[in-house]
C-alpha atoms as a PDB file:
ATOM      1  CA  MET A   1       0.000   0.000   0.000  1.00  0.00           C
ATOM      2  CA  ALA A   2       2.768   2.459   0.811  1.00  0.00           C
ATOM      3  CA  SER A   3       4.257   2.007  -2.605  1.00  0.00           C
ATOM      4  CA  THR A   4       6.483   4.407  -4.423  1.00  0.00           C
ATOM      5  CA  THR A   5       3.653   5.604  -6.650  1.00  0.00           C
ATOM      6  CA  ALA A   6       1.849   8.836  -5.870  1.00  0.00           C
ATOM      7  CA  GLU A   7      -1.454   6.940  -5.742  1.00  0.00           C
ATOM      8  CA  GLY A   8      -0.065   4.415  -3.235  1.00  0.00           C
ATOM      9  CA  LYS A   9       1.356   7.145  -1.032  1.00  0.00           C
ATOM     10  CA  ALA A  10      -1.950   9.051  -1.090  1.00  0.00           C
ATOM     11  CA  LEU A  11      -3.896   5.891  -0.221  1.00  0.00           C
ATOM     12  CA  TYR A  12      -1.542   5.140   2.691  1.00  0.00           C
ATOM     13  CA  GLN A  13      -1.806   8.732   3.926  1.00  0.00           C
ATOM     14  CA  SER A  14      -5.612   8.750   3.837  1.00  0.00           C
ATOM     15  CA  TRP A  15      -6.340   5.218   5.065  1.00  0.00           C
ATOM     16  CA  ILE A  16      -3.585   4.730   7.665  1.00  0.00           C
ATOM     17  CA  VAL A  17      -2.166   8.087   8.745  1.00  0.00           C
ATOM     18  CA  ASN A  18      -5.216  10.373   8.563  1.00  0.00           C
ATOM     19  CA  ASP A  19      -7.541   7.778  10.128  1.00  0.00           C
ATOM     20  CA  ASN A  20      -4.927   6.952  12.800  1.00  0.00           C
ATOM     21  CA  ARG A  21      -5.325   3.259  11.972  1.00  0.00           C
ATOM     22  CA  ASN A  22      -3.207   0.682  13.802  1.00  0.00           C
ATOM     23  CA  ILE A  23      -2.605  -3.003  13.118  1.00  0.00           C
ATOM     24  CA  VAL A  24      -5.737  -4.032  15.049  1.00  0.00           C
ATOM     25  CA  HIS A  25      -7.919  -1.708  12.974  1.00  0.00           C
ATOM     26  CA  ILE A  26      -6.376  -2.989   9.763  1.00  0.00           C
ATOM     27  CA  LEU A  27      -6.974  -6.635  10.691  1.00  0.00           C
ATOM     28  CA  GLU A  28     -10.585  -5.850  11.672  1.00  0.00           C
ATOM     29  CA  ASP A  29     -11.159  -4.116   8.331  1.00  0.00           C
ATOM     30  CA  LEU A  30      -9.536  -6.936   6.360  1.00  0.00           C
ATOM     31  CA  PRO A  31     -10.849 -10.198   7.889  1.00  0.00           C
ATOM     32  CA  SER A  32      -9.337 -12.314   5.105  1.00  0.00           C
ATOM     33  CA  CYS A  33      -5.870 -11.118   6.131  1.00  0.00           C
ATOM     34  CA  LYS A  34      -4.604 -13.669   8.671  1.00  0.00           C
ATOM     35  CA  PRO A  35      -0.880 -13.167   9.259  1.00  0.00           C
ATOM     36  CA  PRO A  36       0.955 -15.679  11.463  1.00  0.00           C
ATOM     37  CA  LEU A  37       1.131 -14.748  15.132  1.00  0.00           C
ATOM     38  CA  ASP A  38       4.931 -14.556  15.101  1.00  0.00           C
ATOM     39  CA  HIS A  39       4.746 -11.896  12.362  1.00  0.00           C
ATOM     40  CA  LEU A  40       2.321  -9.855  14.459  1.00  0.00           C
ATOM     41  CA  CYS A  41       4.569 -10.158  17.512  1.00  0.00           C
ATOM     42  CA  GLU A  42       7.405  -8.602  15.508  1.00  0.00           C
ATOM     43  CA  LEU A  43       5.238  -5.505  14.935  1.00  0.00           C
ATOM     44  CA  VAL A  44       4.477  -4.905  18.605  1.00  0.00           C
ATOM     45  CA  PRO A  45       7.020  -2.683  20.351  1.00  0.00           C
ATOM     46  CA  ARG A  46       8.797  -4.142  23.355  1.00  0.00           C
ATOM     47  CA  LEU A  47       7.588  -3.009  26.743  1.00  0.00           C
ATOM     48  CA  GLN A  48      10.158  -1.068  28.690  1.00  0.00           C
ATOM     49  CA  PRO A  49      10.778  -2.222  32.270  1.00  0.00           C
ATOM     50  CA  ARG A  50       9.138  -0.217  35.037  1.00  0.00           C
ATOM     51  CA  TYR A  51      11.483   0.109  37.972  1.00  0.00           C
ATOM     52  CA  TYR A  52       8.869   1.737  40.166  1.00  0.00           C
ATOM     53  CA  SER A  53       5.133   2.342  40.246  1.00  0.00           C
ATOM     54  CA  ILE A  54       2.819   4.535  42.289  1.00  0.00           C
ATOM     55  CA  SER A  55       0.513   1.943  43.809  1.00  0.00           C
ATOM     56  CA  SER A  56      -1.750   3.877  46.137  1.00  0.00           C
ATOM     57  CA  SER A  57      -5.298   5.117  45.808  1.00  0.00           C
ATOM     58  CA  SER A  58      -6.536   8.472  47.026  1.00  0.00           C
ATOM     59  CA  LYS A  59      -9.824   6.738  47.871  1.00  0.00           C
ATOM     60  CA  VAL A  60      -8.102   4.585  50.515  1.00  0.00           C
ATOM     61  CA  ARG A  61      -5.342   6.771  52.014  1.00  0.00           C
ATOM     62  CA  ASN A  62      -4.289  10.369  52.039  1.00  0.00           C
ATOM     63  CA  GLY A  63      -0.752   9.658  50.817  1.00  0.00           C
ATOM     64  CA  ILE A  64       1.177   7.625  48.285  1.00  0.00           C
ATOM     65  CA  GLU A  65       2.866   4.241  48.266  1.00  0.00           C
ATOM     66  CA  VAL A  66       5.604   3.345  45.835  1.00  0.00           C
ATOM     67  CA  CYS A  67       6.579  -0.154  44.685  1.00  0.00           C
ATOM     68  CA  HIS A  68      10.072  -0.569  43.240  1.00  0.00           C
ATOM     69  CA  THR A  69      12.538  -3.219  42.204  1.00  0.00           C
ATOM     70  CA  ILE A  70      15.918  -3.841  43.738  1.00  0.00           C
END
């Protein structure tokens, strides 16, 4: 779709970029497209480690609690 032709670039711009379409939207719109799971996993960005997290709720306590790794 994102070919080197002007028509392909315009189609990519309107269908993907302008509509803010992601891989899930594309697969929902094209049900006959069934890529292997390992190919889809290559498209998903890796999650970065979280070394800490705010884990408190203002509904329970009037303060914060922090969980972290060592």
